[in-house]
């Protein structure tokens, strides 16, 4: 019995000294967002819901991350505002964050302006969660996105 107890304690001690799974993720880095079309939903602080798509067109790897070019096609739930917002983005492989800076809006209808976005990647680069937006002349809001594929 003492021998069995010793073996159990030895196994527990060995398992306790092994590195945990979270350490493994930090060494490898986060998976970058996939190119293609993303379904996007959001809601601003005034309660207006937004839907649309995000297209990530090009990707360039840089030290510690990935740079993107693309655009959002936005539409408000009341159908009073819509437009295409062009952006540049940077994905940080160390913490999984995606920073997006809008620089031009075309085909604008209603109140829509270029904003600044922050989100976090999950699901092997196929989901953006905990997203926020804001900027000059932009009502703050929250957003998320799911990769829809390459089209």
N, C-alpha and C. Protein backbone atom coordinates (compact mmCIF):
# COMPACT_ATOMS: atom_id res chain seq x y z
N UNK A 1 0.82 -1.19 0.00
CA UNK A 1 0.00 0.00 0.00
C UNK A 1 0.86 1.25 0.00
N UNK A 2 1.93 1.26 0.78
CA UNK A 2 2.83 2.40 0.83
C UNK A 2 3.48 2.61 -0.53
N UNK A 3 3.81 1.50 -1.21
CA UNK A 3 4.44 1.58 -2.52
C UNK A 3 3.46 2.20 -3.53
N UNK A 4 2.18 1.80 -3.49
CA UNK A 4 1.15 2.35 -4.37
C UNK A 4 0.93 3.84 -4.12
N UNK A 5 0.92 4.23 -2.85
CA UNK A 5 0.75 5.64 -2.49
C UNK A 5 1.94 6.46 -2.99
N UNK A 6 3.14 5.91 -2.89
CA UNK A 6 4.34 6.58 -3.37
C UNK A 6 4.26 6.79 -4.89
N UNK A 7 3.79 5.81 -5.62
CA UNK A 7 3.67 5.92 -7.08
C UNK A 7 2.65 6.99 -7.45
N UNK A 8 1.52 7.02 -6.76
CA UNK A 8 0.49 8.03 -7.03
C UNK A 8 1.05 9.42 -6.78
N UNK A 9 1.72 9.62 -5.66
CA UNK A 9 2.31 10.93 -5.35
C UNK A 9 3.38 11.31 -6.37
N UNK A 10 4.17 10.36 -6.82
CA UNK A 10 5.19 10.63 -7.83
C UNK A 10 4.56 11.07 -9.15
N UNK A 11 3.46 10.43 -9.54
CA UNK A 11 2.76 10.80 -10.78
C UNK A 11 2.17 12.20 -10.65
N UNK A 12 1.56 12.50 -9.52
CA UNK A 12 0.97 13.83 -9.29
C UNK A 12 2.06 14.89 -9.33
N UNK A 13 3.19 14.63 -8.71
CA UNK A 13 4.30 15.58 -8.72
C UNK A 13 4.81 15.80 -10.13
N UNK A 14 4.91 14.73 -10.91
CA UNK A 14 5.39 14.85 -12.29
C UNK A 14 4.41 15.66 -13.13
N UNK A 15 3.12 15.43 -12.98
CA UNK A 15 2.12 16.19 -13.72
C UNK A 15 2.12 17.66 -13.32
N UNK A 16 2.32 17.92 -12.06
CA UNK A 16 2.35 19.29 -11.57
C UNK A 16 3.53 20.09 -12.09
N UNK A 17 4.60 19.44 -12.45
CA UNK A 17 5.78 20.15 -12.94
C UNK A 17 5.77 20.35 -14.45
N UNK A 18 4.79 19.78 -15.15
CA UNK A 18 4.71 19.93 -16.60
C UNK A 18 4.20 21.32 -16.94
N UNK A 19 4.66 21.91 -18.07
CA UNK A 19 4.15 23.23 -18.47
C UNK A 19 2.67 23.14 -18.81
N UNK A 20 1.96 24.25 -18.53
CA UNK A 20 0.52 24.22 -18.83
C UNK A 20 0.26 24.59 -20.28
N UNK A 21 -0.96 24.39 -20.73
CA UNK A 21 -1.33 24.61 -22.12
C UNK A 21 -1.23 26.08 -22.50
N UNK A 22 -1.53 27.00 -21.59
CA UNK A 22 -1.48 28.42 -21.91
C UNK A 22 -0.08 28.85 -22.30
N UNK A 23 0.93 28.26 -21.70
CA UNK A 23 2.31 28.59 -22.06
C UNK A 23 2.60 28.19 -23.49
N UNK A 24 2.05 27.10 -23.93
CA UNK A 24 2.30 26.65 -25.29
C UNK A 24 1.74 27.64 -26.30
N UNK A 25 0.58 28.25 -26.05
CA UNK A 25 -0.02 29.21 -26.98
C UNK A 25 0.86 30.44 -27.12
N UNK A 26 1.41 30.93 -26.02
CA UNK A 26 2.18 32.16 -26.09
C UNK A 26 3.47 31.99 -26.88
N UNK A 27 4.05 30.82 -26.87
CA UNK A 27 5.27 30.60 -27.62
C UNK A 27 5.03 30.53 -29.12
N UNK A 28 3.92 29.99 -29.53
CA UNK A 28 3.61 29.78 -30.93
C UNK A 28 2.97 31.02 -31.54
N UNK A 29 2.23 31.77 -30.78
CA UNK A 29 1.54 32.94 -31.30
C UNK A 29 0.13 32.62 -31.74
N UNK A 30 -0.63 33.64 -31.97
CA UNK A 30 -2.03 33.51 -32.38
C UNK A 30 -2.12 33.34 -33.89
N UNK A 31 -3.20 32.73 -34.36
CA UNK A 31 -3.41 32.54 -35.79
C UNK A 31 -3.98 33.82 -36.39
N UNK A 32 -3.37 34.28 -37.47
CA UNK A 32 -3.78 35.51 -38.15
C UNK A 32 -5.14 35.33 -38.82
N UNK A 33 -5.87 36.43 -39.01
CA UNK A 33 -7.16 36.34 -39.70
C UNK A 33 -7.00 35.85 -41.14
N UNK A 34 -7.98 35.13 -41.60
CA UNK A 34 -7.96 34.59 -42.95
C UNK A 34 -8.38 35.67 -43.95
N UNK A 35 -7.80 35.60 -45.15
CA UNK A 35 -8.23 36.47 -46.23
C UNK A 35 -9.61 36.03 -46.69
N UNK A 36 -10.36 36.96 -47.25
CA UNK A 36 -11.67 36.63 -47.78
C UNK A 36 -12.76 37.49 -47.17
N UNK A 37 -13.96 36.97 -47.18
CA UNK A 37 -15.15 37.70 -46.74
C UNK A 37 -15.53 37.28 -45.32
N UNK A 38 -15.89 38.26 -44.50
CA UNK A 38 -16.31 38.06 -43.12
C UNK A 38 -17.70 38.66 -42.94
N UNK A 39 -18.58 37.97 -42.21
CA UNK A 39 -19.89 38.53 -41.82
C UNK A 39 -19.68 39.33 -40.54
N UNK A 40 -20.14 40.57 -40.54
CA UNK A 40 -19.90 41.48 -39.42
C UNK A 40 -21.23 41.96 -38.85
N UNK A 41 -21.32 42.00 -37.52
CA UNK A 41 -22.47 42.58 -36.84
C UNK A 41 -21.96 43.50 -35.74
N UNK A 42 -22.77 44.51 -35.42
CA UNK A 42 -22.38 45.44 -34.37
C UNK A 42 -23.56 46.21 -33.85
N UNK A 43 -23.30 46.97 -32.79
CA UNK A 43 -24.33 47.81 -32.19
C UNK A 43 -23.64 49.02 -31.59
N UNK A 44 -24.15 50.22 -31.92
CA UNK A 44 -23.53 51.42 -31.38
C UNK A 44 -24.18 51.81 -30.05
N UNK A 45 -23.59 52.81 -29.39
CA UNK A 45 -24.05 53.21 -28.05
C UNK A 45 -25.46 53.80 -28.05
N UNK A 46 -25.97 54.20 -29.22
CA UNK A 46 -27.33 54.72 -29.31
C UNK A 46 -28.34 53.61 -29.57
N UNK A 47 -27.86 52.36 -29.63
CA UNK A 47 -28.75 51.22 -29.80
C UNK A 47 -29.00 50.81 -31.23
N UNK A 48 -28.40 51.51 -32.19
CA UNK A 48 -28.58 51.17 -33.60
C UNK A 48 -27.72 49.96 -33.94
N UNK A 49 -28.33 48.98 -34.59
CA UNK A 49 -27.61 47.77 -35.00
C UNK A 49 -27.04 47.97 -36.40
N UNK A 50 -25.87 47.36 -36.62
CA UNK A 50 -25.19 47.43 -37.90
C UNK A 50 -24.87 46.02 -38.39
N UNK A 51 -24.93 45.83 -39.68
CA UNK A 51 -24.59 44.54 -40.28
C UNK A 51 -23.86 44.80 -41.58
N UNK A 52 -23.14 43.80 -42.02
CA UNK A 52 -22.45 43.96 -43.29
C UNK A 52 -21.39 42.91 -43.46
N UNK A 53 -20.39 43.29 -44.25
CA UNK A 53 -19.30 42.37 -44.52
C UNK A 53 -17.98 43.11 -44.43
N UNK A 54 -16.94 42.33 -44.18
CA UNK A 54 -15.57 42.84 -44.18
C UNK A 54 -14.80 41.97 -45.16
N UNK A 55 -14.05 42.60 -46.03
CA UNK A 55 -13.21 41.85 -46.96
C UNK A 55 -11.75 42.19 -46.67
N UNK A 56 -10.99 41.13 -46.36
CA UNK A 56 -9.55 41.27 -46.21
C UNK A 56 -8.93 40.86 -47.54
N UNK A 57 -8.36 41.85 -48.25
CA UNK A 57 -7.87 41.62 -49.62
C UNK A 57 -6.43 41.18 -49.70
N UNK A 58 -5.56 41.81 -48.92
CA UNK A 58 -4.15 41.50 -49.06
C UNK A 58 -3.50 41.40 -47.69
N UNK A 59 -2.43 40.60 -47.65
CA UNK A 59 -1.75 40.37 -46.38
C UNK A 59 -0.25 40.48 -46.62
N UNK A 60 0.44 41.12 -45.67
CA UNK A 60 1.89 41.24 -45.74
C UNK A 60 2.44 40.97 -44.35
N UNK A 61 3.32 40.01 -44.23
CA UNK A 61 3.90 39.65 -42.94
C UNK A 61 4.99 40.64 -42.57
N UNK A 62 4.95 41.11 -41.33
CA UNK A 62 5.97 42.00 -40.78
C UNK A 62 6.41 41.42 -39.44
N UNK A 63 7.48 41.94 -38.90
CA UNK A 63 7.99 41.45 -37.62
C UNK A 63 6.91 41.54 -36.55
N UNK A 64 6.56 40.42 -35.94
CA UNK A 64 5.59 40.38 -34.86
C UNK A 64 4.14 40.43 -35.28
N UNK A 65 3.87 40.50 -36.58
CA UNK A 65 2.47 40.58 -36.97
C UNK A 65 2.23 40.49 -38.46
N UNK A 66 1.03 40.90 -38.85
CA UNK A 66 0.60 40.85 -40.24
C UNK A 66 -0.17 42.12 -40.54
N UNK A 67 0.11 42.74 -41.70
CA UNK A 67 -0.64 43.93 -42.13
C UNK A 67 -1.64 43.54 -43.22
N UNK A 68 -2.80 44.19 -43.17
CA UNK A 68 -3.88 43.91 -44.11
C UNK A 68 -4.37 45.19 -44.76
N UNK A 69 -4.99 45.03 -45.91
CA UNK A 69 -5.78 46.08 -46.56
C UNK A 69 -7.15 45.47 -46.84
N UNK A 70 -8.18 46.29 -46.76
CA UNK A 70 -9.50 45.76 -47.03
C UNK A 70 -10.57 46.82 -46.91
N UNK A 71 -11.81 46.38 -46.77
CA UNK A 71 -12.92 47.31 -46.61
C UNK A 71 -14.10 46.64 -45.91
N UNK A 72 -14.93 47.48 -45.29
CA UNK A 72 -16.21 47.08 -44.72
C UNK A 72 -17.30 47.57 -45.66
N UNK A 73 -18.37 46.81 -45.82
CA UNK A 73 -19.62 47.30 -46.41
C UNK A 73 -20.62 47.30 -45.25
N UNK A 74 -21.01 48.50 -44.80
CA UNK A 74 -21.88 48.66 -43.63
C UNK A 74 -23.30 49.03 -44.04
N UNK A 75 -24.26 48.59 -43.23
CA UNK A 75 -25.67 48.95 -43.41
C UNK A 75 -26.31 49.01 -42.03
N UNK A 76 -26.98 50.10 -41.72
CA UNK A 76 -27.65 50.22 -40.42
C UNK A 76 -28.99 49.49 -40.46
N UNK A 77 -29.46 49.08 -39.29
CA UNK A 77 -30.71 48.31 -39.22
C UNK A 77 -31.92 49.14 -39.65
N UNK A 78 -31.85 50.46 -39.51
CA UNK A 78 -32.97 51.30 -39.96
C UNK A 78 -32.85 51.66 -41.44
N UNK A 79 -31.80 51.16 -42.09
CA UNK A 79 -31.54 51.35 -43.52
C UNK A 79 -31.35 52.82 -43.91
N UNK A 80 -31.06 53.67 -42.93
CA UNK A 80 -30.85 55.09 -43.20
C UNK A 80 -29.38 55.39 -43.52
N UNK A 81 -28.48 54.52 -43.08
CA UNK A 81 -27.04 54.75 -43.28
C UNK A 81 -26.38 53.51 -43.85
N UNK A 82 -25.47 53.74 -44.81
CA UNK A 82 -24.71 52.64 -45.39
C UNK A 82 -23.50 53.22 -46.10
N UNK A 83 -22.56 52.36 -46.45
CA UNK A 83 -21.39 52.80 -47.20
C UNK A 83 -20.27 51.79 -47.13
N UNK A 84 -19.26 52.03 -47.96
CA UNK A 84 -18.06 51.19 -47.98
C UNK A 84 -16.93 51.97 -47.31
N UNK A 85 -16.32 51.35 -46.31
CA UNK A 85 -15.24 51.97 -45.55
C UNK A 85 -13.94 51.21 -45.81
N UNK A 86 -12.99 51.88 -46.44
CA UNK A 86 -11.68 51.28 -46.73
C UNK A 86 -10.78 51.41 -45.50
N UNK A 87 -9.94 50.39 -45.27
CA UNK A 87 -9.10 50.41 -44.07
C UNK A 87 -7.75 49.74 -44.29
N UNK A 88 -6.86 50.03 -43.35
CA UNK A 88 -5.61 49.31 -43.16
C UNK A 88 -5.70 48.67 -41.79
N UNK A 89 -5.12 47.48 -41.63
CA UNK A 89 -5.21 46.77 -40.35
C UNK A 89 -3.87 46.13 -40.00
N UNK A 90 -3.68 45.92 -38.71
CA UNK A 90 -2.48 45.24 -38.22
C UNK A 90 -2.93 44.18 -37.22
N UNK A 91 -2.48 42.95 -37.44
CA UNK A 91 -2.74 41.85 -36.52
C UNK A 91 -1.48 41.60 -35.71
N UNK A 92 -1.62 41.53 -34.38
CA UNK A 92 -0.50 41.28 -33.47
C UNK A 92 -0.50 39.80 -33.10
N UNK A 93 0.51 39.07 -33.54
CA UNK A 93 0.60 37.63 -33.26
C UNK A 93 0.82 37.32 -31.78
N UNK A 94 1.38 38.26 -31.02
CA UNK A 94 1.68 38.00 -29.61
C UNK A 94 0.44 38.01 -28.73
N UNK A 95 -0.52 38.90 -29.02
CA UNK A 95 -1.69 38.97 -28.15
C UNK A 95 -3.02 38.72 -28.88
N UNK A 96 -3.00 38.46 -30.18
CA UNK A 96 -4.21 38.13 -30.92
C UNK A 96 -5.09 39.31 -31.27
N UNK A 97 -4.58 40.55 -31.12
CA UNK A 97 -5.41 41.72 -31.40
C UNK A 97 -5.35 42.12 -32.87
N UNK A 98 -6.46 42.65 -33.36
CA UNK A 98 -6.57 43.18 -34.71
C UNK A 98 -6.97 44.64 -34.60
N UNK A 99 -6.09 45.54 -35.06
CA UNK A 99 -6.36 46.99 -35.05
C UNK A 99 -6.64 47.43 -36.48
N UNK A 100 -7.78 48.09 -36.67
CA UNK A 100 -8.21 48.53 -37.99
C UNK A 100 -8.38 50.04 -37.97
N UNK A 101 -7.84 50.70 -39.00
CA UNK A 101 -7.98 52.15 -39.14
C UNK A 101 -8.64 52.47 -40.47
N UNK A 102 -9.90 52.94 -40.41
CA UNK A 102 -10.59 53.34 -41.63
C UNK A 102 -10.00 54.64 -42.14
N UNK A 103 -9.92 54.80 -43.47
CA UNK A 103 -9.34 56.03 -44.02
C UNK A 103 -10.21 56.69 -45.08
N UNK A 104 -11.24 56.00 -45.60
CA UNK A 104 -12.11 56.61 -46.61
C UNK A 104 -13.43 55.88 -46.67
N UNK A 105 -14.52 56.63 -46.84
CA UNK A 105 -15.85 56.05 -47.01
C UNK A 105 -16.38 56.48 -48.37
N UNK A 106 -16.87 55.49 -49.15
CA UNK A 106 -17.48 55.78 -50.44
C UNK A 106 -18.91 55.26 -50.44
N UNK A 107 -19.67 55.70 -51.44
CA UNK A 107 -21.08 55.32 -51.56
C UNK A 107 -21.82 55.54 -50.24
N UNK A 108 -21.45 56.62 -49.56
CA UNK A 108 -22.02 56.90 -48.23
C UNK A 108 -23.44 57.42 -48.36
N UNK A 109 -24.28 56.90 -47.49
CA UNK A 109 -25.66 57.33 -47.39
C UNK A 109 -25.92 57.51 -45.89
N UNK A 110 -26.46 58.66 -45.50
CA UNK A 110 -26.73 58.90 -44.09
C UNK A 110 -25.46 59.23 -43.32
N UNK A 111 -25.46 58.91 -42.04
CA UNK A 111 -24.35 59.24 -41.15
C UNK A 111 -23.39 58.07 -41.03
N UNK A 112 -22.32 58.10 -41.80
CA UNK A 112 -21.29 57.06 -41.71
C UNK A 112 -19.94 57.74 -41.92
N UNK A 113 -18.97 57.36 -41.10
CA UNK A 113 -17.64 57.96 -41.17
C UNK A 113 -16.60 56.87 -40.92
N UNK A 114 -15.37 57.15 -41.33
CA UNK A 114 -14.27 56.21 -41.11
C UNK A 114 -13.95 56.16 -39.62
N UNK A 115 -13.77 54.94 -39.11
CA UNK A 115 -13.53 54.77 -37.68
C UNK A 115 -12.27 54.00 -37.38
N UNK A 116 -12.07 53.76 -36.09
CA UNK A 116 -10.96 52.95 -35.59
C UNK A 116 -11.57 51.77 -34.85
N UNK A 117 -11.04 50.57 -35.10
CA UNK A 117 -11.60 49.33 -34.58
C UNK A 117 -10.52 48.54 -33.85
N UNK A 118 -10.95 47.79 -32.86
CA UNK A 118 -10.08 46.85 -32.17
C UNK A 118 -10.88 45.58 -31.94
N UNK A 119 -10.28 44.44 -32.21
CA UNK A 119 -10.92 43.15 -31.97
C UNK A 119 -9.87 42.12 -31.63
N UNK A 120 -10.32 40.93 -31.24
CA UNK A 120 -9.41 39.85 -30.85
C UNK A 120 -9.78 38.59 -31.63
N UNK A 121 -8.79 37.91 -32.16
CA UNK A 121 -9.01 36.72 -32.98
C UNK A 121 -9.11 35.47 -32.12
N UNK A 122 -10.01 34.58 -32.51
CA UNK A 122 -10.14 33.25 -31.91
C UNK A 122 -10.45 32.28 -33.04
N UNK A 123 -10.66 31.03 -32.67
CA UNK A 123 -11.11 30.04 -33.65
C UNK A 123 -10.17 29.86 -34.83
N UNK A 124 -8.88 29.81 -34.56
CA UNK A 124 -7.87 29.62 -35.62
C UNK A 124 -7.96 30.69 -36.70
N UNK A 125 -8.17 31.92 -36.29
CA UNK A 125 -8.21 33.04 -37.23
C UNK A 125 -9.51 33.18 -37.98
N UNK A 126 -10.60 32.58 -37.45
CA UNK A 126 -11.89 32.62 -38.15
C UNK A 126 -12.97 33.41 -37.43
N UNK A 127 -12.66 34.00 -36.28
CA UNK A 127 -13.65 34.78 -35.53
C UNK A 127 -12.97 36.00 -34.92
N UNK A 128 -13.67 37.12 -34.97
CA UNK A 128 -13.26 38.32 -34.25
C UNK A 128 -14.27 38.52 -33.13
N UNK A 129 -13.78 38.63 -31.89
CA UNK A 129 -14.65 38.80 -30.73
C UNK A 129 -14.21 40.02 -29.93
N UNK A 130 -15.05 40.44 -29.00
CA UNK A 130 -14.76 41.56 -28.10
C UNK A 130 -14.32 42.81 -28.87
N UNK A 131 -14.94 43.04 -30.03
CA UNK A 131 -14.57 44.19 -30.85
C UNK A 131 -15.20 45.48 -30.36
N UNK A 132 -14.47 46.58 -30.52
CA UNK A 132 -14.98 47.91 -30.21
C UNK A 132 -14.66 48.83 -31.39
N UNK A 133 -15.44 49.91 -31.53
CA UNK A 133 -15.11 50.92 -32.54
C UNK A 133 -15.35 52.29 -31.96
N UNK A 134 -14.75 53.28 -32.62
CA UNK A 134 -14.89 54.68 -32.22
C UNK A 134 -14.15 55.54 -33.22
N UNK A 135 -13.90 56.80 -32.84
CA UNK A 135 -13.18 57.72 -33.71
C UNK A 135 -13.84 59.07 -33.75
N UNK A 136 -13.27 59.96 -34.57
CA UNK A 136 -13.80 61.31 -34.74
C UNK A 136 -15.12 61.21 -35.49
N UNK A 137 -16.16 61.86 -35.00
CA UNK A 137 -17.49 61.85 -35.63
C UNK A 137 -18.07 60.44 -35.76
N UNK A 138 -17.66 59.53 -34.88
CA UNK A 138 -18.16 58.16 -34.90
C UNK A 138 -18.75 57.83 -33.53
N UNK A 139 -19.98 57.34 -33.51
CA UNK A 139 -20.60 56.89 -32.26
C UNK A 139 -19.96 55.56 -31.88
N UNK A 140 -19.47 55.45 -30.67
CA UNK A 140 -18.79 54.23 -30.23
C UNK A 140 -19.72 53.04 -30.29
N UNK A 141 -19.12 51.85 -30.46
CA UNK A 141 -19.92 50.64 -30.53
C UNK A 141 -19.10 49.39 -30.31
N UNK A 142 -19.79 48.27 -30.39
CA UNK A 142 -19.17 46.95 -30.24
C UNK A 142 -19.47 46.13 -31.48
N UNK A 143 -18.55 45.24 -31.86
CA UNK A 143 -18.73 44.46 -33.07
C UNK A 143 -18.07 43.08 -32.94
N UNK A 144 -18.46 42.20 -33.84
CA UNK A 144 -17.86 40.88 -33.95
C UNK A 144 -17.95 40.45 -35.42
N UNK A 145 -17.15 39.44 -35.77
CA UNK A 145 -17.14 38.98 -37.16
C UNK A 145 -16.83 37.49 -37.22
N UNK A 146 -17.35 36.85 -38.27
CA UNK A 146 -17.11 35.43 -38.52
C UNK A 146 -16.70 35.28 -39.98
N UNK A 147 -15.63 34.52 -40.21
CA UNK A 147 -15.14 34.30 -41.56
C UNK A 147 -16.16 33.51 -42.36
N UNK A 148 -16.50 34.00 -43.55
CA UNK A 148 -17.51 33.36 -44.40
C UNK A 148 -16.88 32.59 -45.56
N UNK A 149 -15.61 32.79 -45.80
CA UNK A 149 -14.93 32.06 -46.86
C UNK A 149 -14.28 32.98 -47.87
N UNK A 150 -13.68 32.38 -48.88
CA UNK A 150 -13.02 33.14 -49.94
C UNK A 150 -13.97 33.21 -51.12
N UNK A 151 -14.25 34.42 -51.55
CA UNK A 151 -15.18 34.63 -52.68
C UNK A 151 -14.61 35.62 -53.63
